[in-house]
C-alpha atoms as a PDB file:
ATOM      1  CA  MET A   1      51.754  47.610 140.587  1.00  0.00           C
ATOM      2  CA  GLU A   2      53.121  50.824 142.491  1.00  0.00           C
ATOM      3  CA  SER A   3      55.489  48.456 144.456  1.00  0.00           C
ATOM      4  CA  LEU A   4      56.921  46.821 141.479  1.00  0.00           C
ATOM      5  CA  TYR A   5      57.720  50.020 139.686  1.00  0.00           C
ATOM      6  CA  THR A   6      59.160  51.273 142.782  1.00  0.00           C
ATOM      7  CA  LEU A   7      61.402  48.237 142.841  1.00  0.00           C
ATOM      8  CA  PHE A   8      62.769  48.602 139.287  1.00  0.00           C
ATOM      9  CA  LYS A   9      62.311  52.353 139.207  1.00  0.00           C
ATOM     10  CA  VAL A  10      63.529  53.563 142.331  1.00  0.00           C
ATOM     11  CA  GLN A  11      65.234  50.964 144.261  1.00  0.00           C
ATOM     12  CA  LEU A  12      67.116  48.554 141.965  1.00  0.00           C
ATOM     13  CA  PRO A  13      69.115  51.894 140.093  1.00  0.00           C
ATOM     14  CA  LYS A  14      69.760  53.445 143.474  1.00  0.00           C
ATOM     15  CA  TYR A  15      71.681  49.729 144.444  1.00  0.00           C
ATOM     16  CA  LEU A  16      73.204  49.199 141.483  1.00  0.00           C
ATOM     17  CA  ARG A  17      75.121  52.885 141.531  1.00  0.00           C
ATOM     18  CA  SER A  18      76.170  52.464 145.108  1.00  0.00           C
ATOM     19  CA  LEU A  19      78.185  49.367 144.185  1.00  0.00           C
ATOM     20  CA  PRO A  20      81.663  49.601 143.986  1.00  0.00           C
ATOM     21  CA  LEU A  21      82.202  48.004 140.731  1.00  0.00           C
ATOM     22  CA  PRO A  22      85.268  48.970 138.865  1.00  0.00           C
ATOM     23  CA  LYS A  23      85.309  50.277 135.697  1.00  0.00           C
ATOM     24  CA  ASN A  24      87.631  47.393 134.493  1.00  0.00           C
ATOM     25  CA  PHE A  25      89.063  43.802 135.674  1.00  0.00           C
ATOM     26  CA  ALA A  26      92.298  45.271 136.941  1.00  0.00           C
ATOM     27  CA  GLY A  27      90.342  47.421 139.391  1.00  0.00           C
ATOM     28  CA  PHE A  28      89.132  44.703 140.991  1.00  0.00           C
ATOM     29  CA  ALA A  29      93.077  43.808 142.227  1.00  0.00           C
ATOM     30  CA  ASN A  30      92.735  47.178 143.827  1.00  0.00           C
ATOM     31  CA  THR A  31      89.325  46.300 145.349  1.00  0.00           C
ATOM     32  CA  LYS A  32      88.976  46.629 149.384  1.00  0.00           C
ATOM     33  CA  SER A  33      87.486  44.258 151.622  1.00  0.00           C
ATOM     34  CA  GLU A  34      84.722  45.719 152.354  1.00  0.00           C
ATOM     35  CA  GLU A  35      84.072  46.714 149.211  1.00  0.00           C
ATOM     36  CA  TRP A  36      84.290  42.785 148.020  1.00  0.00           C
ATOM     37  CA  PHE A  37      81.636  42.216 151.042  1.00  0.00           C
ATOM     38  CA  ALA A  38      79.387  44.638 149.572  1.00  0.00           C
ATOM     39  CA  LEU A  39      79.436  43.093 146.226  1.00  0.00           C
ATOM     40  CA  VAL A  40      78.592  39.399 147.458  1.00  0.00           C
ATOM     41  CA  PRO A  41      75.034  39.585 147.296  1.00  0.00           C
ATOM     42  CA  PHE A  42      75.142  41.173 143.808  1.00  0.00           C
ATOM     43  CA  PHE A  43      77.647  38.417 142.578  1.00  0.00           C
ATOM     44  CA  LEU A  44      75.697  35.723 144.320  1.00  0.00           C
ATOM     45  CA  THR A  45      71.970  36.914 142.493  1.00  0.00           C
ATOM     46  CA  VAL A  46      73.891  37.343 139.262  1.00  0.00           C
ATOM     47  CA  THR A  47      75.520  33.467 139.699  1.00  0.00           C
ATOM     48  CA  PHE A  48      72.025  32.353 140.642  1.00  0.00           C
ATOM     49  CA  ILE A  49      70.120  34.110 137.727  1.00  0.00           C
ATOM     50  CA  LEU A  50      72.769  32.442 135.324  1.00  0.00           C
ATOM     51  CA  TYR A  51      72.094  29.310 136.762  1.00  0.00           C
ATOM     52  CA  ALA A  52      68.417  29.166 136.526  1.00  0.00           C
ATOM     53  CA  MET A  53      68.514  30.301 132.773  1.00  0.00           C
ATOM     54  CA  ILE A  54      71.526  27.244 131.994  1.00  0.00           C
ATOM     55  CA  HIS A  55      69.716  24.705 133.777  1.00  0.00           C
ATOM     56  CA  THR A  56      66.238  25.919 132.175  1.00  0.00           C
ATOM     57  CA  ILE A  57      67.752  25.471 128.390  1.00  0.00           C
ATOM     58  CA  CYS A  58      69.520  22.697 128.991  1.00  0.00           C
ATOM     59  CA  SER A  59      66.810  20.693 130.358  1.00  0.00           C
ATOM     60  CA  ARG A  60      64.436  21.536 127.703  1.00  0.00           C
ATOM     61  CA  ARG A  61      66.720  19.789 125.318  1.00  0.00           C
ATOM     62  CA  ARG A  62      67.329  16.970 127.541  1.00  0.00           C
ATOM     63  CA  ARG A  63      63.344  16.392 127.520  1.00  0.00           C
ATOM     64  CA  ARG A  64      63.043  16.334 124.044  1.00  0.00           C
ATOM     65  CA  ALA A  65      65.784  13.826 123.852  1.00  0.00           C
ATOM     66  CA  VAL A  66      64.002  11.125 126.601  1.00  0.00           C
ATOM     67  CA  PRO A  67      61.982   8.279 123.632  1.00  0.00           C
ATOM     68  CA  LYS A  68      58.249   8.271 123.958  1.00  0.00           C
ATOM     69  CA  PRO A  69      57.516   4.921 126.379  1.00  0.00           C
ATOM     70  CA  LYS A  70      56.358   2.047 124.911  1.00  0.00           C
ATOM     71  CA  VAL A  71      52.822   0.397 125.336  1.00  0.00           C
ATOM     72  CA  ASN A  72      54.065  -3.237 124.712  1.00  0.00           C
ATOM     73  CA  LEU A  73      56.369  -3.946 127.382  1.00  0.00           C
ATOM     74  CA  SER A  74      56.967  -7.759 127.198  1.00  0.00           C
ATOM     75  CA  LEU A  75      54.241  -9.362 124.567  1.00  0.00           C
ATOM     76  CA  MET A  76      56.097 -11.076 121.505  1.00  0.00           C
ATOM     77  CA  LYS A  77      59.184  -8.864 121.774  1.00  0.00           C
ATOM     78  CA  GLU A  78      60.811 -11.170 119.085  1.00  0.00           C
ATOM     79  CA  ASP A  79      58.613 -10.494 116.533  1.00  0.00           C
ATOM     80  CA  PRO A  80      58.656  -6.902 113.960  1.00  0.00           C
ATOM     81  CA  LYS A  81      54.634  -6.750 114.972  1.00  0.00           C
ATOM     82  CA  VAL A  82      52.212  -8.443 116.896  1.00  0.00           C
ATOM     83  CA  VAL A  83      49.558  -9.393 114.939  1.00  0.00           C
ATOM     84  CA  THR A  84      46.873 -11.811 115.564  1.00  0.00           C
ATOM     85  CA  GLN A  85      44.401 -13.619 113.962  1.00  0.00           C
ATOM     86  CA  MET A  86      40.988 -15.196 115.252  1.00  0.00           C
ATOM     87  CA  ASP A  87      38.313 -16.595 112.766  1.00  0.00           C
ATOM     88  CA  ILE A  88      34.707 -15.461 113.304  1.00  0.00           C
ATOM     89  CA  GLU A  89      33.279 -18.665 114.445  1.00  0.00           C
ATOM     90  CA  ASP A  90      35.550 -18.850 117.189  1.00  0.00           C
ATOM     91  CA  LEU A  91      34.636 -15.750 118.975  1.00  0.00           C
ATOM     92  CA  GLY A  92      31.214 -17.408 120.873  1.00  0.00           C
ATOM     93  CA  ASP A  93      28.667 -15.125 121.956  1.00  0.00           C
ATOM     94  CA  LYS A  94      30.947 -12.940 123.857  1.00  0.00           C
ATOM     95  CA  ILE A  95      34.322 -12.305 124.158  1.00  0.00           C
ATOM     96  CA  ALA A  96      36.856  -9.612 125.160  1.00  0.00           C
ATOM     97  CA  PHE A  97      40.116  -8.106 123.927  1.00  0.00           C
ATOM     98  CA  CYS A  98      42.963  -6.673 125.562  1.00  0.00           C
ATOM     99  CA  ARG A  99      43.677  -2.934 124.802  1.00  0.00           C
ATOM    100  CA  CYS A 100      45.959  -2.512 127.593  1.00  0.00           C
ATOM    101  CA  TRP A 101      48.833  -5.002 126.628  1.00  0.00           C
ATOM    102  CA  ARG A 102      49.527  -6.260 130.042  1.00  0.00           C
ATOM    103  CA  SER A 103      47.498  -9.450 129.793  1.00  0.00           C
ATOM    104  CA  LYS A 104      49.109 -12.684 129.948  1.00  0.00           C
ATOM    105  CA  LYS A 105      46.552 -14.186 127.603  1.00  0.00           C
ATOM    106  CA  PHE A 106      47.090 -11.614 125.314  1.00  0.00           C
ATOM    107  CA  PRO A 107      45.187 -10.805 122.763  1.00  0.00           C
ATOM    108  CA  LEU A 108      42.255 -11.821 125.120  1.00  0.00           C
ATOM    109  CA  CYS A 109      41.844  -9.757 128.388  1.00  0.00           C
ATOM    110  CA  ASP A 110      42.317 -11.410 131.970  1.00  0.00           C
ATOM    111  CA  GLY A 111      41.691  -8.568 133.653  1.00  0.00           C
ATOM    112  CA  SER A 112      45.011  -7.454 133.844  1.00  0.00           C
ATOM    113  CA  HIS A 113      44.085  -3.597 133.439  1.00  0.00           C
ATOM    114  CA  ASN A 114      42.552  -3.670 136.579  1.00  0.00           C
ATOM    115  CA  GLN A 115      46.270  -3.718 138.019  1.00  0.00           C
ATOM    116  CA  HIS A 116      47.088  -1.476 135.516  1.00  0.00           C
ATOM    117  CA  ASN A 117      44.885   1.402 135.929  1.00  0.00           C
ATOM    118  CA  GLU A 118      45.375   1.203 139.361  1.00  0.00           C
ATOM    119  CA  ASP A 119      49.455   1.699 139.469  1.00  0.00           C
ATOM    120  CA  THR A 120      49.088   4.559 136.519  1.00  0.00           C
ATOM    121  CA  LYS A 121      45.336   5.946 137.520  1.00  0.00           C
ATOM    122  CA  ASP A 122      44.708   5.159 133.805  1.00  0.00           C
ATOM    123  CA  ASN A 123      41.333   3.874 132.562  1.00  0.00           C
ATOM    124  CA  VAL A 124      41.758   1.485 130.140  1.00  0.00           C
ATOM    125  CA  GLY A 125      39.637  -1.482 129.874  1.00  0.00           C
ATOM    126  CA  PRO A 126      39.321  -4.420 126.920  1.00  0.00           C
ATOM    127  CA  LEU A 127      37.196  -4.675 124.022  1.00  0.00           C
ATOM    128  CA  LEU A 128      34.343  -6.042 124.453  1.00  0.00           C
ATOM    129  CA  LEU A 129      32.378  -8.020 121.437  1.00  0.00           C
ATOM    130  CA  ARG A 130      29.094  -9.077 121.632  1.00  0.00           C
ATOM    131  CA  ARG A 131      26.402 -11.415 118.806  1.00  0.00           C
ATOM    132  CA  GLY A 132      23.212 -10.271 118.364  1.00  0.00           C
ATOM    133  CA  GLU A 133      20.509  -8.688 120.696  1.00  0.00           C
ATOM    134  CA  GLU A 134      22.328  -9.309 124.336  1.00  0.00           C
ATOM    135  CA  LYS A 135      23.389  -5.999 126.272  1.00  0.00           C
END
């Protein structure tokens, strides 16, 4: 902590006092080449800090405008809402419903979640429905 104190309270003020900054813009015209070379690190540092601040502010604004990713990438896109009905009698003893939206037999699961999980490091699986005491 003492080194930070020395840097900001002793070294930095001493460096800033030693800079040959003119009192007004017209004074830059009278600045000698040696003085310009002394000002280069200062101006580069100020330029970098300003660039970093502007870049951070602009990138935050851009991130807000990015739409959230879609879950359904290809199934029944012409319909305003994907709704599938099945009769309970048609289910049989055991059935698996897709929850990853990648199945070619949607709404039934065809195991497409395995490739989806491998590609995205996700952990989605099917909804399994069983009749009776079977486990």
